[in-house]
Amino acid sequence: MASQSPKTKTKVVDIHTHMYPPEYISLLESRTNIPLVRTFSNSPDPRLVLLDAEVPLLDAVNTNPSPESPLPGRPLTRHFSSLAQKLHFMDTHGIDISVISLANPWLDFLSGATAAPLAESINTSFSQMCLTHPARLYFFAALPLTAPLPALLSSIAHASRLPHCRGVILGTSGLGAGLDDPTLEPIFSALAAARLPIFLHPHYGLPNEVFGPRAAAGEYGHVLPLAIGFPVETTVAVARMFLAGVFDRFPELKMLLAHSGGTLPFLVGRIESCLQHDGFLVQKGGGPKRGLWEVLREQIYFDAVVYSKVALKTAVEAAGGEDRLMFGTDHPFFPPVGGENENEEWESVGLNAKAVIEGVDGDDKVAAIMGENAIKILRLDEE
């Protein structure tokens, strides 16, 4: 990314970067149902298997293993779990500060009894990483959503006491009923009171049928769920929160949306028009008190993980200015295909930096998105 970095001394901050701590990987290795991690003789790295569509391939490999067998899942390289590798990646790409978070599927698949202690362990592990590199690392905490409410609120309180915690990461499905589920409102209230913003991230939430039988057969890889499914998940989740009045009831709640808010920047006007022309809602006087444009510009931030200047410009316009966007890499996902040179810059990272540089006018605006906004919004200048 060095060739794409702005001509400024402003720090570069990566707010969208993931890790799987050792205790999380150990849990996945112990599982018999997805999500799980498996080691195969014909793969140099363990494989992370997340999707229902990958189960038949996993079963086939387990039943009749051979060196030629296609493998399910994706490689779980050292980039997923090694702190030394994270720091090396940062140095290679000129990143001064990273705000790390657990990657999907987080703890949402676990029972409450398992999720609550594991959340505390993972958040403590992240905190210890940050303490060893206090000028370079912060984190978003994992939440045990399946735990009973007292344990969940205790987890939020624990995270808020950890000095380098700057928010929580949350999936778009919430407890399984979406983020407009009233059951989540005590959680939103606690997060708002603790000044912990939500980093909202999707996770393969659309039915496989949406992408058709050829995708189900593996012809299209992960392209459709990642490129289209993830952004649509985010859009639907936030639109439901908006229509349910969640933002009105919790005006102090802040959210950071992955992948520049999905398709939300393109659809705000359409959502508002449909709301204003919906006879049922108009007649009963329902719906949110504020417009979606207003909510976006008061409570919502976007990352800048969009890979093109066209999308970046749209996100800036929807957010009401470049001061509500923050740079991210989505590391360790989207690595170079076919292996990597240890010191090679990742094309995916360069594309995001290039989008920022070409998508806004002036080094000051570039510097804001690349680092200054994150330092201010996430209080990265506070110990």
Protein backbone atom coordinates (compact mmCIF):
# COMPACT_ATOMS: atom_id res chain seq x y z
CA MET A 1 0.00 0.00 0.00
CA ALA A 2 2.99 2.27 0.29
CA SER A 3 2.62 3.40 -3.31
CA GLN A 4 -0.98 4.36 -2.59
CA SER A 5 -0.42 6.12 0.73
CA PRO A 6 -1.28 9.82 0.94
CA LYS A 7 1.54 12.35 1.03
CA THR A 8 1.02 13.13 4.69
CA LYS A 9 2.47 12.26 8.05
CA THR A 10 -0.99 11.36 9.36
CA LYS A 11 -1.19 7.86 10.78
CA VAL A 12 -2.90 5.12 8.78
CA VAL A 13 -5.50 3.22 10.81
CA ASP A 14 -7.08 -0.11 9.83
CA ILE A 15 -10.43 -0.49 11.58
CA HIS A 16 -11.56 -3.63 9.70
CA THR A 17 -9.05 -6.38 10.44
CA HIS A 18 -9.74 -9.76 12.00
CA MET A 19 -8.06 -12.43 14.12
CA TYR A 20 -8.94 -15.84 15.57
CA PRO A 21 -7.26 -16.19 19.01
CA PRO A 22 -5.86 -19.65 19.91
CA GLU A 23 -8.80 -20.56 22.17
CA TYR A 24 -11.24 -19.89 19.33
CA ILE A 25 -9.33 -22.10 16.90
CA SER A 26 -9.11 -24.85 19.53
CA LEU A 27 -12.89 -24.72 19.91
CA LEU A 28 -13.42 -24.99 16.13
CA GLU A 29 -10.99 -27.92 15.94
CA SER A 30 -13.02 -29.77 18.58
CA ARG A 31 -16.34 -29.45 16.78
CA THR A 32 -18.11 -32.07 14.68
CA ASN A 33 -20.64 -29.69 13.11
CA ILE A 34 -19.96 -26.52 11.13
CA PRO A 35 -18.39 -24.15 11.79
CA LEU A 36 -15.29 -26.25 12.30
CA VAL A 37 -11.59 -26.51 11.48
CA ARG A 38 -10.10 -29.66 9.91
CA THR A 39 -6.59 -30.66 8.87
CA PHE A 40 -6.08 -32.57 5.61
CA SER A 41 -2.94 -34.33 4.43
CA ASN A 42 -3.09 -32.60 1.04
CA SER A 43 -3.41 -29.07 2.47
CA PRO A 44 -0.49 -27.14 3.98
CA ASP A 45 -2.89 -25.26 6.25
CA PRO A 46 -5.94 -26.33 8.28
CA ARG A 47 -9.27 -25.53 6.61
CA LEU A 48 -12.07 -23.42 8.07
CA VAL A 49 -15.45 -24.84 7.03
CA LEU A 50 -18.36 -22.42 7.51
CA LEU A 51 -21.09 -23.13 4.98
CA ASP A 52 -23.88 -25.69 4.73
CA ALA A 53 -23.05 -26.01 1.04
CA GLU A 54 -19.57 -27.30 1.99
CA VAL A 55 -20.85 -30.16 4.18
CA PRO A 56 -21.31 -32.69 1.30
CA LEU A 57 -17.72 -32.08 0.20
CA LEU A 58 -16.52 -32.43 3.79
CA ASP A 59 -18.42 -35.71 4.13
CA ALA A 60 -16.98 -36.98 0.86
CA VAL A 61 -13.41 -36.20 1.91
CA ASN A 62 -13.94 -37.85 5.28
CA THR A 63 -15.46 -40.96 3.66
CA ASN A 64 -12.96 -41.39 0.83
CA PRO A 65 -9.86 -39.24 1.36
CA SER A 66 -7.30 -39.01 -1.42
CA PRO A 67 -4.57 -36.53 -2.45
CA GLU A 68 -6.72 -35.50 -5.41
CA SER A 69 -9.86 -34.78 -3.39
CA PRO A 70 -11.14 -31.18 -3.58
CA LEU A 71 -11.19 -29.68 -0.12
CA PRO A 72 -14.01 -27.84 1.67
CA GLY A 73 -13.59 -24.46 3.32
CA ARG A 74 -10.75 -21.98 3.06
CA PRO A 75 -7.14 -22.17 4.27
CA LEU A 76 -6.67 -21.04 7.87
CA THR A 77 -3.23 -19.50 7.33
CA ARG A 78 -0.99 -17.94 9.97
CA HIS A 79 -2.57 -14.58 9.09
CA PHE A 80 -5.70 -15.61 11.02
CA SER A 81 -4.07 -16.29 14.37
CA SER A 82 -0.52 -14.96 14.59
CA LEU A 83 0.00 -11.59 16.26
CA ALA A 84 3.51 -11.44 14.79
CA GLN A 85 2.01 -11.95 11.33
CA LYS A 86 -0.57 -9.21 11.95
CA LEU A 87 2.18 -6.77 12.88
CA HIS A 88 4.25 -7.83 9.87
CA PHE A 89 1.24 -7.25 7.62
CA MET A 90 0.81 -3.80 9.15
CA ASP A 91 4.48 -2.94 8.60
CA THR A 92 4.39 -4.20 5.01
CA HIS A 93 1.40 -2.00 4.19
CA GLY A 94 2.34 1.12 6.14
CA ILE A 95 -0.44 0.68 8.73
CA ASP A 96 0.28 2.40 12.03
CA ILE A 97 -2.72 1.26 14.09
CA SER A 98 -5.12 -1.68 13.78
CA VAL A 99 -8.45 -2.19 15.53
CA ILE A 100 -8.74 -5.98 15.54
CA SER A 101 -11.92 -8.02 15.92
CA LEU A 102 -13.00 -11.65 15.92
CA ALA A 103 -14.06 -12.78 12.44
CA ASN A 104 -17.39 -14.41 11.61
CA PRO A 105 -19.14 -16.51 12.81
CA TRP A 106 -18.10 -14.99 16.16
CA LEU A 107 -19.80 -16.79 19.08
CA ASP A 108 -23.31 -16.88 17.64
CA PHE A 109 -23.34 -20.66 17.08
CA LEU A 110 -22.55 -21.53 20.70
CA SER A 111 -24.74 -22.25 23.69
CA GLY A 112 -24.96 -19.50 26.27
CA ALA A 113 -23.05 -21.59 28.80
CA THR A 114 -20.12 -21.90 26.40
CA ALA A 115 -20.31 -18.45 24.81
CA ALA A 116 -20.09 -16.32 27.95
CA PRO A 117 -16.76 -17.60 29.35
CA LEU A 118 -15.27 -17.82 25.86
CA ALA A 119 -16.19 -14.19 25.16
CA GLU A 120 -14.39 -13.11 28.32
CA SER A 121 -11.36 -15.22 27.39
CA ILE A 122 -11.20 -13.88 23.82
CA ASN A 123 -11.66 -10.27 24.87
CA THR A 124 -8.97 -10.69 27.53
CA SER A 125 -6.65 -12.19 24.91
CA PHE A 126 -7.22 -9.24 22.59
CA SER A 127 -6.66 -6.84 25.47
CA GLN A 128 -3.35 -8.49 26.33
CA MET A 129 -2.25 -8.26 22.69
CA CYS A 130 -3.02 -4.56 22.76
CA LEU A 131 -1.19 -4.05 26.03
CA THR A 132 1.97 -5.51 24.50
CA HIS A 133 1.71 -3.05 21.59
CA PRO A 134 -0.18 -0.11 23.16
CA ALA A 135 0.52 2.40 20.40
CA ARG A 136 -0.46 0.04 17.60
CA LEU A 137 -3.42 -2.13 18.61
CA TYR A 138 -7.00 -1.67 19.82
CA PHE A 139 -9.94 -4.06 19.49
CA PHE A 140 -13.68 -4.55 19.13
CA ALA A 141 -14.98 -7.03 21.70
CA ALA A 142 -16.89 -10.24 20.97
CA LEU A 143 -20.31 -10.66 22.59
CA PRO A 144 -21.91 -13.93 23.83
CA LEU A 145 -25.29 -13.18 22.28
CA THR A 146 -26.74 -16.59 23.16
CA ALA A 147 -26.01 -16.14 26.87
CA PRO A 148 -28.74 -15.10 29.34
CA LEU A 149 -29.19 -11.34 29.54
CA PRO A 150 -27.37 -10.89 32.89
CA ALA A 151 -24.31 -12.71 31.53
CA LEU A 152 -24.47 -10.71 28.32
CA LEU A 153 -24.67 -7.40 30.17
CA SER A 154 -21.79 -8.55 32.37
CA SER A 155 -19.76 -9.24 29.22
CA ILE A 156 -20.43 -5.70 27.98
CA ALA A 157 -19.37 -4.30 31.35
CA HIS A 158 -16.19 -6.40 31.28
CA ALA A 159 -15.34 -5.21 27.76
CA SER A 160 -15.92 -1.59 28.72
CA ARG A 161 -13.30 -1.89 31.47
CA LEU A 162 -10.59 -3.19 29.15
CA PRO A 163 -8.42 -0.19 28.29
CA HIS A 164 -8.00 -0.81 24.55
CA CYS A 165 -11.58 -1.90 23.78
CA ARG A 166 -13.27 0.58 21.45
CA GLY A 167 -16.55 -1.15 20.63
CA VAL A 168 -18.10 -4.55 19.89
CA ILE A 169 -18.50 -6.59 16.74
CA LEU A 170 -22.01 -7.83 15.99
CA GLY A 171 -23.47 -9.96 13.20
CA THR A 172 -26.42 -8.82 11.12
CA SER A 173 -28.71 -11.63 12.33
CA GLY A 174 -28.44 -10.70 16.01
CA LEU A 175 -30.01 -13.52 18.03
CA GLY A 176 -31.41 -15.01 14.83
CA ALA A 177 -34.45 -12.74 14.51
CA GLY A 178 -32.63 -9.69 13.15
CA LEU A 179 -31.52 -6.46 14.76
CA ASP A 180 -35.08 -5.15 15.09
CA ASP A 181 -35.72 -7.93 17.62
CA PRO A 182 -36.99 -6.23 20.84
CA THR A 183 -34.96 -8.74 22.86
CA LEU A 184 -31.81 -6.87 21.80
CA GLU A 185 -32.89 -3.50 23.16
CA PRO A 186 -31.31 -3.92 26.63
CA ILE A 187 -28.07 -4.70 24.80
CA PHE A 188 -28.33 -1.57 22.67
CA SER A 189 -29.04 0.46 25.79
CA ALA A 190 -25.99 -0.94 27.60
CA LEU A 191 -23.71 -0.38 24.62
CA ALA A 192 -24.88 3.21 24.23
CA ALA A 193 -24.35 3.90 27.93
CA ALA A 194 -20.86 2.38 27.81
CA ARG A 195 -19.93 4.42 24.69
CA LEU A 196 -19.18 1.21 22.81
CA PRO A 197 -20.11 1.50 19.13
CA ILE A 198 -21.25 -1.56 17.19
CA PHE A 199 -19.08 -2.72 14.30
CA LEU A 200 -21.78 -4.42 12.21
CA HIS A 201 -20.61 -7.29 10.01
CA PRO A 202 -22.57 -9.73 7.80
CA HIS A 203 -22.23 -13.51 7.69
CA TYR A 204 -23.71 -15.58 4.82
CA GLY A 205 -27.24 -14.70 5.88
CA LEU A 206 -29.06 -15.00 2.56
CA PRO A 207 -30.57 -18.37 1.58
CA ASN A 208 -28.46 -20.39 -0.85
CA GLU A 209 -31.45 -20.51 -3.19
CA VAL A 210 -30.98 -16.81 -3.93
CA PHE A 211 -27.79 -17.59 -5.82
CA GLY A 212 -29.13 -20.54 -7.81
CA PRO A 213 -28.20 -24.18 -8.34
CA ARG A 214 -24.96 -23.46 -10.17
CA ALA A 215 -23.67 -21.50 -7.19
CA ALA A 216 -24.80 -24.31 -4.88
CA ALA A 217 -22.79 -26.74 -7.01
CA GLY A 218 -19.68 -24.66 -6.40
CA GLU A 219 -19.29 -23.19 -9.89
CA TYR A 220 -19.05 -19.61 -8.64
CA GLY A 221 -16.94 -20.12 -5.53
CA HIS A 222 -17.78 -17.60 -2.79
CA VAL A 223 -18.20 -14.65 -5.16
CA LEU A 224 -21.97 -14.19 -4.98
CA PRO A 225 -22.44 -14.42 -1.19
CA LEU A 226 -19.41 -12.23 -0.53
CA ALA A 227 -19.85 -9.61 -3.25
CA ILE A 228 -23.66 -9.37 -3.19
CA GLY A 229 -24.96 -11.30 -0.19
CA PHE A 230 -22.86 -9.53 2.45
CA PRO A 231 -23.80 -5.98 1.34
CA VAL A 232 -27.48 -6.90 1.07
CA GLU A 233 -27.44 -8.42 4.58
CA THR A 234 -26.09 -5.19 6.03
CA THR A 235 -28.64 -3.10 4.15
CA VAL A 236 -31.58 -5.21 5.31
CA ALA A 237 -30.37 -5.28 8.93
CA VAL A 238 -30.00 -1.51 9.21
CA ALA A 239 -33.23 -0.80 7.32
CA ARG A 240 -35.12 -3.01 9.75
CA MET A 241 -33.59 -1.21 12.72
CA PHE A 242 -34.57 2.09 11.14
CA LEU A 243 -38.18 1.09 10.44
CA ALA A 244 -38.53 -0.34 13.96
CA GLY A 245 -37.47 2.97 15.49
CA VAL A 246 -34.37 1.55 17.18
CA PHE A 247 -32.27 4.60 16.36
CA ASP A 248 -34.99 6.90 17.74
CA ARG A 249 -35.10 5.01 21.04
CA PHE A 250 -31.30 4.88 21.36
CA PRO A 251 -30.00 8.14 19.90
CA GLU A 252 -26.62 7.70 21.64
CA LEU A 253 -26.03 4.32 19.98
CA LYS A 254 -23.33 4.49 17.30
CA MET A 255 -22.74 1.96 14.53
CA LEU A 256 -19.87 1.36 12.13
CA LEU A 257 -21.04 -0.53 9.05
CA ALA A 258 -18.74 -2.96 7.27
CA HIS A 259 -18.18 -2.66 3.54
CA SER A 260 -19.34 0.98 3.47
CA GLY A 261 -22.85 0.08 4.55
CA GLY A 262 -23.44 -2.49 1.83
CA THR A 263 -25.98 -1.16 -0.67
CA LEU A 264 -27.41 1.31 1.85
CA PRO A 265 -25.75 4.42 0.32
CA PHE A 266 -27.44 3.64 -3.01
CA LEU A 267 -30.87 2.89 -1.53
CA VAL A 268 -31.49 5.53 1.16
CA GLY A 269 -33.65 7.65 -1.12
CA ARG A 270 -35.67 4.65 -2.26
CA ILE A 271 -36.20 3.44 1.31
CA GLU A 272 -37.42 6.88 2.41
CA SER A 273 -39.70 7.21 -0.61
CA CYS A 274 -41.26 3.80 0.00
CA LEU A 275 -41.78 4.72 3.66
CA GLN A 276 -43.45 8.03 2.78
CA HIS A 277 -45.74 6.37 0.24
CA ASP A 278 -46.69 3.33 2.26
CA GLY A 279 -50.41 3.74 2.93
CA PHE A 280 -50.46 1.36 5.88
CA LEU A 281 -47.68 3.13 7.77
CA VAL A 282 -48.91 6.61 6.89
CA GLN A 283 -52.47 5.87 8.06
CA LYS A 284 -51.44 4.41 11.40
CA GLY A 285 -48.83 7.09 11.97
CA GLY A 286 -46.09 4.51 12.40
CA GLY A 287 -42.50 4.39 11.33
CA PRO A 288 -39.40 6.20 12.51
CA LYS A 289 -39.44 9.78 13.76
CA ARG A 290 -36.37 10.84 11.80
CA GLY A 291 -35.44 10.27 8.18
CA LEU A 292 -32.81 7.72 7.24
CA TRP A 293 -30.51 10.45 5.88
CA GLU A 294 -30.57 12.05 9.32
CA VAL A 295 -29.87 8.75 11.09
CA LEU A 296 -26.92 8.03 8.80
CA ARG A 297 -25.35 11.39 9.51
CA GLU A 298 -25.89 11.29 13.28
CA GLN A 299 -25.41 7.69 14.38
CA ILE A 300 -23.74 5.71 11.61
CA TYR A 301 -20.21 5.50 10.25
CA PHE A 302 -18.91 3.51 7.27
CA ASP A 303 -15.67 1.69 6.74
CA ALA A 304 -14.00 2.28 3.36
CA VAL A 305 -13.76 -1.35 2.25
CA VAL A 306 -15.35 -0.94 -1.19
CA TYR A 307 -12.45 -1.33 -3.66
CA SER A 308 -13.52 1.39 -6.10
CA LYS A 309 -13.66 5.17 -6.19
CA VAL A 310 -17.24 5.14 -7.52
CA ALA A 311 -18.49 3.28 -4.44
CA LEU A 312 -16.28 5.37 -2.16
CA LYS A 313 -17.73 8.61 -3.54
CA THR A 314 -21.25 7.29 -3.01
CA ALA A 315 -20.49 6.32 0.59
CA VAL A 316 -19.03 9.77 1.31
CA GLU A 317 -22.12 11.43 -0.16
CA ALA A 318 -24.51 9.21 1.81
CA ALA A 319 -22.60 9.71 5.04
CA GLY A 320 -22.67 13.48 4.65
CA GLY A 321 -18.93 13.87 4.28
CA GLU A 322 -15.59 12.12 4.40
CA ASP A 323 -15.41 12.64 8.17
CA ARG A 324 -17.67 9.60 8.71
CA LEU A 325 -15.58 7.05 6.78
CA MET A 326 -12.64 5.01 8.08
CA PHE A 327 -10.08 2.94 6.19
CA GLY A 328 -10.00 -0.85 6.49
CA THR A 329 -8.30 -3.84 4.88
CA ASP A 330 -10.49 -6.87 5.81
CA HIS A 331 -7.26 -8.75 6.57
CA PRO A 332 -6.75 -11.74 6.59
CA PHE A 333 -9.40 -12.24 3.93
CA PHE A 334 -8.77 -11.61 0.21
CA PRO A 335 -5.09 -12.59 0.19
CA PRO A 336 -3.08 -12.90 -3.04
CA VAL A 337 -4.26 -15.93 -5.03
CA GLY A 338 -1.71 -18.69 -5.44
CA GLY A 339 0.29 -17.91 -2.33
CA GLU A 340 2.18 -14.83 -1.27
CA ASN A 341 5.66 -13.48 -0.97
CA GLU A 342 6.24 -12.68 2.71
CA ASN A 343 6.82 -9.00 1.94
CA GLU A 344 4.34 -8.66 -0.92
CA GLU A 345 1.68 -5.97 -0.73
CA TRP A 346 -1.84 -7.36 -1.03
CA GLU A 347 -3.75 -6.09 -4.07
CA SER A 348 -7.01 -5.98 -2.07
CA VAL A 349 -5.44 -3.51 0.38
CA GLY A 350 -4.02 -1.35 -2.40
CA LEU A 351 -7.41 -1.19 -4.11
CA ASN A 352 -9.04 0.20 -0.98
CA ALA A 353 -6.32 2.79 -0.49
CA LYS A 354 -6.48 3.76 -4.16
CA ALA A 355 -10.27 4.17 -3.92
CA VAL A 356 -9.82 6.65 -1.07
CA ILE A 357 -7.09 8.60 -2.83
CA GLU A 358 -9.04 8.84 -6.08
CA GLY A 359 -12.48 9.17 -4.49
CA VAL A 360 -11.97 12.38 -2.51
CA ASP A 361 -10.27 15.66 -3.39
CA GLY A 362 -7.32 16.84 -1.36
CA ASP A 363 -4.69 15.31 0.89
CA ASP A 364 -6.56 16.51 3.98
CA LYS A 365 -9.67 14.49 3.09
CA VAL A 366 -7.58 11.45 2.20
CA ALA A 367 -5.75 11.73 5.51
CA ALA A 368 -9.07 11.95 7.35
CA ILE A 369 -10.35 8.66 5.93
CA MET A 370 -7.00 6.89 6.15
CA GLY A 371 -6.55 7.59 9.84
CA GLU A 372 -7.63 10.86 11.39
CA ASN A 373 -11.32 9.96 11.56
CA ALA A 374 -10.67 6.66 13.34
CA ILE A 375 -8.36 8.32 15.85
CA LYS A 376 -11.06 10.86 16.68
CA ILE A 377 -14.18 8.69 16.51
CA LEU A 378 -12.73 5.64 18.27
CA ARG A 379 -10.63 7.68 20.73
CA LEU A 380 -7.37 6.05 19.64
CA ASP A 381 -5.37 8.85 21.19
CA GLU A 382 -6.63 7.83 24.66
CA GLU A 383 -4.95 5.15 26.78
